[in-house]
Amino acid sequence: MKRFAALLLLLLIATTMLPAQETGNTDGAGLNIPLVDVSVRQPETNRDMAFSIQLLILLTVLTLAPSLVVIMTSFLRVSIVLDFVKRALNLQQVPPSSVLMGISLFLTLFIMWPTFDQIYQQAYRPFIDEEITVQEMFDRGVGPIRYFMYKQIKDNPENIALFMNMQGLEQPQTFADVPTYVLIPAFILNELKVAFQIGILIYIPFIIIDMVVASILMSMGMIMLPPVMISMPFKLILFVLVDGWSLLTRQLVMSFM
């Protein structure tokens, strides 16, 4: 107890001496920490207000960046087709959904690489070299994406006409007359349509296998046995024999060319 009391006394003496030492140090050898003004101020000019709005728009775009990658690239069609393959084979856990998303992502990078490279060379690289402004970078960057989307729907322009009519716009004479906010939803509808068409073609041979297996089981009187349990191995054998993954990947990539 005596030792504990002595330790407490020393701590009290040390704490009382610290302020005196800090106030006595006036030779400038202490830490010099700059103060940062983090107070919230009201915008005083229109320029300050415009800067705040631009910052808000930038943060919004960064938040929506994953969604933009999904809907404005080939990722939408590839992911839907791969999900159709998994369902047509009656596979529940193999391959996992994360694996299918990874495959879709890298196939999207492979398909979109020329477009991304064009954006880098024409828009981003001149901007970091201080050759163009932010507005010019945006105009140059959105051009290759617009051309990619238009190339996919140029054979089916009814989606563009649909959104142009709903918006009350005049019939465009050239591709440049189509606004971007019309081109994006038209591209999404086209991708959904094409993906479902490919999915139907994928389903047809597997449905035939299901029907044949179900008919054989019914003729043998094995009504209680689920046909899916018997047909799934035959589906996998057929898919492996025709080298389904390579054939599917090739056709997906060629559908964007």
Protein backbone atom coordinates (compact mmCIF):
# COMPACT_ATOMS: atom_id res chain seq x y z
CA MET A 1 0.00 0.00 0.00
CA LYS A 2 2.87 2.36 0.75
CA ARG A 3 4.40 1.69 -2.66
CA PHE A 4 1.03 2.23 -4.37
CA ALA A 5 0.51 5.52 -2.53
CA ALA A 6 3.99 6.69 -3.51
CA LEU A 7 3.29 5.83 -7.17
CA LEU A 8 0.07 7.85 -7.12
CA LEU A 9 1.89 10.80 -5.58
CA LEU A 10 4.54 10.73 -8.33
CA LEU A 11 1.84 10.65 -11.05
CA LEU A 12 0.08 13.65 -9.52
CA ILE A 13 3.33 15.62 -9.35
CA ALA A 14 4.13 14.75 -12.99
CA THR A 15 0.70 15.85 -14.24
CA THR A 16 0.96 19.16 -12.40
CA MET A 17 4.39 19.84 -13.88
CA LEU A 18 3.41 19.15 -17.52
CA PRO A 19 1.53 22.43 -18.16
CA ALA A 20 4.40 24.44 -16.69
CA GLN A 21 6.88 22.71 -19.01
CA GLU A 22 4.68 23.25 -22.07
CA THR A 23 4.09 26.91 -21.33
CA GLY A 24 7.75 27.45 -20.55
CA ASN A 25 8.87 26.16 -23.94
CA THR A 26 8.95 29.37 -26.00
CA ASP A 27 12.02 28.74 -28.15
CA GLY A 28 9.95 27.32 -31.06
CA ALA A 29 11.40 23.82 -30.78
CA GLY A 30 7.99 22.19 -30.20
CA LEU A 31 5.65 20.67 -32.76
CA ASN A 32 4.24 23.10 -35.30
CA ILE A 33 0.94 21.57 -36.46
CA PRO A 34 -0.91 23.69 -39.04
CA LEU A 35 -4.61 24.22 -38.48
CA VAL A 36 -7.02 23.36 -41.32
CA ASP A 37 -10.27 25.20 -41.71
CA VAL A 38 -12.99 22.55 -42.00
CA SER A 39 -15.93 24.80 -41.29
CA VAL A 40 -18.96 24.77 -43.59
CA ARG A 41 -19.42 28.06 -45.37
CA GLN A 42 -22.23 29.36 -47.50
CA PRO A 43 -21.40 29.90 -51.21
CA GLU A 44 -20.77 33.57 -51.84
CA THR A 45 -20.73 33.62 -55.65
CA ASN A 46 -22.25 31.67 -58.51
CA ARG A 47 -18.87 30.08 -59.18
CA ASP A 48 -18.84 28.59 -55.68
CA MET A 49 -22.36 27.25 -56.19
CA ALA A 50 -21.43 25.76 -59.57
CA PHE A 51 -18.39 24.07 -58.05
CA SER A 52 -20.58 22.49 -55.35
CA ILE A 53 -23.02 21.21 -57.96
CA GLN A 54 -20.21 19.79 -60.08
CA LEU A 55 -18.78 18.03 -57.03
CA LEU A 56 -22.19 16.53 -56.25
CA ILE A 57 -22.60 15.32 -59.85
CA LEU A 58 -19.11 13.80 -59.80
CA LEU A 59 -19.83 11.88 -56.60
CA THR A 60 -23.13 10.67 -58.07
CA VAL A 61 -21.42 9.44 -61.23
CA LEU A 62 -18.77 7.62 -59.21
CA THR A 63 -21.52 5.95 -57.19
CA LEU A 64 -23.34 4.83 -60.33
CA ALA A 65 -20.16 3.75 -62.16
CA PRO A 66 -20.74 -0.03 -61.65
CA SER A 67 -24.28 0.30 -62.98
CA LEU A 68 -23.03 2.24 -65.99
CA VAL A 69 -20.49 -0.49 -66.74
CA VAL A 70 -23.28 -3.09 -66.60
CA ILE A 71 -25.83 -1.35 -68.81
CA MET A 72 -23.59 0.45 -71.34
CA THR A 73 -21.23 -2.40 -72.24
CA SER A 74 -21.45 -6.02 -73.36
CA PHE A 75 -21.70 -7.19 -69.75
CA LEU A 76 -25.51 -7.25 -69.83
CA ARG A 77 -25.79 -9.69 -72.74
CA VAL A 78 -22.92 -11.93 -71.63
CA SER A 79 -24.16 -12.29 -68.05
CA ILE A 80 -27.73 -13.12 -69.11
CA VAL A 81 -26.58 -15.74 -71.64
CA LEU A 82 -24.30 -17.44 -69.11
CA ASP A 83 -27.16 -17.56 -66.62
CA PHE A 84 -29.34 -19.17 -69.30
CA VAL A 85 -26.69 -21.85 -69.80
CA LYS A 86 -26.62 -22.63 -66.09
CA ARG A 87 -30.39 -22.92 -65.92
CA ALA A 88 -30.64 -24.99 -69.10
CA LEU A 89 -28.19 -27.53 -67.66
CA ASN A 90 -30.22 -27.66 -64.41
CA LEU A 91 -27.11 -26.82 -62.41
CA GLN A 92 -27.80 -25.31 -59.01
CA GLN A 93 -24.39 -24.53 -57.49
CA VAL A 94 -21.88 -25.23 -60.28
CA PRO A 95 -20.50 -22.91 -61.47
CA PRO A 96 -21.18 -20.41 -58.65
CA SER A 97 -22.75 -17.07 -59.47
CA SER A 98 -19.54 -15.25 -58.51
CA VAL A 99 -17.62 -17.31 -61.08
CA LEU A 100 -20.16 -16.50 -63.79
CA MET A 101 -19.90 -12.80 -62.94
CA GLY A 102 -16.11 -13.02 -63.13
CA ILE A 103 -16.29 -14.71 -66.53
CA SER A 104 -18.73 -12.06 -67.73
CA LEU A 105 -16.43 -9.29 -66.50
CA PHE A 106 -13.32 -10.57 -68.29
CA LEU A 107 -15.25 -11.32 -71.48
CA THR A 108 -16.56 -7.76 -71.29
CA LEU A 109 -13.01 -6.44 -70.96
CA PHE A 110 -11.97 -8.52 -73.98
CA ILE A 111 -14.89 -7.30 -76.09
CA MET A 112 -14.72 -3.68 -74.97
CA TRP A 113 -10.93 -3.32 -75.00
CA PRO A 114 -10.75 -1.54 -78.41
CA THR A 115 -13.40 0.92 -77.21
CA PHE A 116 -11.65 1.53 -73.89
CA ASP A 117 -8.32 1.98 -75.65
CA GLN A 118 -9.87 4.52 -78.00
CA ILE A 119 -11.28 6.45 -75.03
CA TYR A 120 -7.87 6.43 -73.36
CA GLN A 121 -6.00 7.61 -76.45
CA GLN A 122 -8.49 10.25 -77.61
CA ALA A 123 -9.88 11.60 -74.34
CA TYR A 124 -8.01 10.68 -71.16
CA ARG A 125 -4.43 10.90 -72.44
CA PRO A 126 -4.81 14.41 -73.94
CA PHE A 127 -6.56 15.53 -70.75
CA ILE A 128 -3.73 14.46 -68.42
CA ASP A 129 -1.30 16.11 -70.84
CA GLU A 130 -3.32 19.33 -70.38
CA GLU A 131 -4.13 19.55 -74.07
CA ILE A 132 -7.93 19.61 -73.71
CA THR A 133 -10.48 20.71 -71.14
CA VAL A 134 -12.85 18.61 -69.05
CA GLN A 135 -15.76 19.27 -71.41
CA GLU A 136 -13.70 18.22 -74.42
CA MET A 137 -12.59 15.08 -72.58
CA PHE A 138 -16.23 14.18 -71.90
CA ASP A 139 -17.24 14.77 -75.53
CA ARG A 140 -14.38 12.67 -76.84
CA GLY A 141 -14.88 9.94 -74.24
CA VAL A 142 -18.59 9.44 -74.82
CA GLY A 143 -18.13 9.16 -78.60
CA PRO A 144 -16.67 5.61 -78.71
CA ILE A 145 -19.28 4.36 -76.22
CA ARG A 146 -22.08 5.86 -78.33
CA TYR A 147 -20.66 4.25 -81.47
CA PHE A 148 -20.44 0.85 -79.74
CA MET A 149 -24.05 1.04 -78.60
CA TYR A 150 -25.26 2.25 -81.99
CA LYS A 151 -23.38 -0.54 -83.78
CA GLN A 152 -25.36 -3.11 -81.79
CA ILE A 153 -28.77 -1.60 -82.56
CA LYS A 154 -28.27 -0.25 -86.07
CA ASP A 155 -29.99 -3.32 -87.55
CA ASN A 156 -32.95 -2.94 -85.15
CA PRO A 157 -33.65 0.81 -85.00
CA GLU A 158 -37.21 0.34 -83.74
CA ASN A 159 -36.05 0.79 -80.16
CA ILE A 160 -34.59 4.20 -81.02
CA ALA A 161 -37.83 5.14 -82.77
CA LEU A 162 -39.80 4.02 -79.71
CA PHE A 163 -37.97 6.32 -77.30
CA MET A 164 -37.81 9.18 -79.81
CA ASN A 165 -41.60 9.02 -80.23
CA MET A 166 -42.21 8.84 -76.48
CA GLN A 167 -40.02 11.90 -75.99
CA GLY A 168 -41.72 13.75 -78.85
CA LEU A 169 -38.52 14.25 -80.84
CA GLU A 170 -38.21 14.53 -84.58
CA GLN A 171 -36.93 11.68 -86.70
CA PRO A 172 -33.10 11.75 -86.67
CA GLN A 173 -31.33 12.08 -89.97
CA THR A 174 -27.93 10.84 -88.77
CA PHE A 175 -26.53 8.98 -85.79
CA ALA A 176 -25.33 12.27 -84.27
CA ASP A 177 -28.95 13.45 -84.03
CA VAL A 178 -29.82 10.68 -81.54
CA PRO A 179 -29.43 11.98 -77.96
CA THR A 180 -27.44 9.89 -75.52
CA TYR A 181 -30.35 9.65 -73.07
CA VAL A 182 -32.35 8.00 -75.90
CA LEU A 183 -29.54 5.77 -77.11
CA ILE A 184 -28.86 4.17 -73.71
CA PRO A 185 -32.37 2.76 -73.01
CA ALA A 186 -32.66 1.67 -76.66
CA PHE A 187 -29.38 -0.21 -76.29
CA ILE A 188 -30.59 -1.86 -73.05
CA LEU A 189 -33.78 -3.13 -74.67
CA ASN A 190 -31.83 -4.43 -77.64
CA GLU A 191 -29.38 -6.28 -75.40
CA LEU A 192 -32.22 -7.90 -73.46
CA LYS A 193 -33.89 -8.97 -76.68
CA VAL A 194 -30.73 -10.46 -78.17
CA ALA A 195 -29.79 -12.18 -74.91
CA PHE A 196 -33.21 -13.85 -74.65
CA GLN A 197 -33.03 -14.94 -78.29
CA ILE A 198 -29.68 -16.62 -77.64
CA GLY A 199 -31.09 -18.15 -74.45
CA ILE A 200 -33.98 -19.71 -76.37
CA LEU A 201 -31.56 -21.27 -78.86
CA ILE A 202 -29.53 -22.65 -75.95
CA TYR A 203 -32.61 -24.13 -74.29
CA ILE A 204 -33.90 -26.02 -77.37
CA PRO A 205 -31.46 -29.00 -77.41
CA PHE A 206 -31.67 -29.44 -73.65
CA ILE A 207 -35.48 -29.36 -73.72
CA ILE A 208 -35.39 -32.13 -76.34
CA ILE A 209 -33.23 -34.23 -74.02
CA ASP A 210 -35.68 -33.64 -71.15
CA MET A 211 -38.63 -34.68 -73.32
CA VAL A 212 -36.90 -37.84 -74.55
CA VAL A 213 -35.86 -38.88 -71.04
CA ALA A 214 -39.34 -38.17 -69.64
CA SER A 215 -40.98 -40.22 -72.41
CA ILE A 216 -38.64 -43.18 -71.79
CA LEU A 217 -39.28 -43.10 -68.05
CA MET A 218 -43.04 -42.97 -68.54
CA SER A 219 -42.94 -45.90 -70.98
CA MET A 220 -40.96 -47.91 -68.43
CA GLY A 221 -43.46 -47.04 -65.69
CA MET A 222 -40.93 -45.10 -63.62
CA ILE A 223 -43.26 -42.20 -62.95
CA MET A 224 -41.97 -41.39 -59.48
CA LEU A 225 -38.39 -40.89 -60.67
CA PRO A 226 -37.70 -37.19 -61.52
CA PRO A 227 -36.62 -36.91 -65.20
CA VAL A 228 -34.18 -34.11 -64.27
CA MET A 229 -31.99 -36.52 -62.31
CA ILE A 230 -31.57 -38.72 -65.39
CA SER A 231 -31.37 -36.02 -68.06
CA MET A 232 -28.76 -33.82 -66.36
CA PRO A 233 -25.82 -36.23 -66.97
CA PHE A 234 -26.81 -36.51 -70.65
CA LYS A 235 -26.93 -32.72 -70.90
CA LEU A 236 -23.46 -32.41 -69.42
CA ILE A 237 -22.13 -35.10 -71.77
CA LEU A 238 -23.61 -33.30 -74.79
CA PHE A 239 -22.27 -29.93 -73.61
CA VAL A 240 -18.77 -31.33 -73.12
CA LEU A 241 -18.73 -33.28 -76.40
CA VAL A 242 -19.57 -30.21 -78.48
CA ASP A 243 -17.05 -28.11 -76.48
CA GLY A 244 -19.87 -25.89 -75.29
CA TRP A 245 -17.85 -23.25 -73.44
CA SER A 246 -15.57 -22.51 -76.39
CA LEU A 247 -18.46 -22.53 -78.86
CA LEU A 248 -20.56 -20.27 -76.64
CA THR A 249 -17.71 -17.84 -76.01
CA ARG A 250 -16.90 -17.59 -79.71
CA GLN A 251 -20.49 -16.91 -80.68
CA LEU A 252 -20.89 -14.32 -77.92
CA VAL A 253 -17.80 -12.43 -79.00
CA MET A 254 -18.76 -12.64 -82.69
CA SER A 255 -22.24 -11.27 -81.92
CA PHE A 256 -20.62 -7.95 -80.98
CA MET A 257 -18.43 -7.68 -84.07
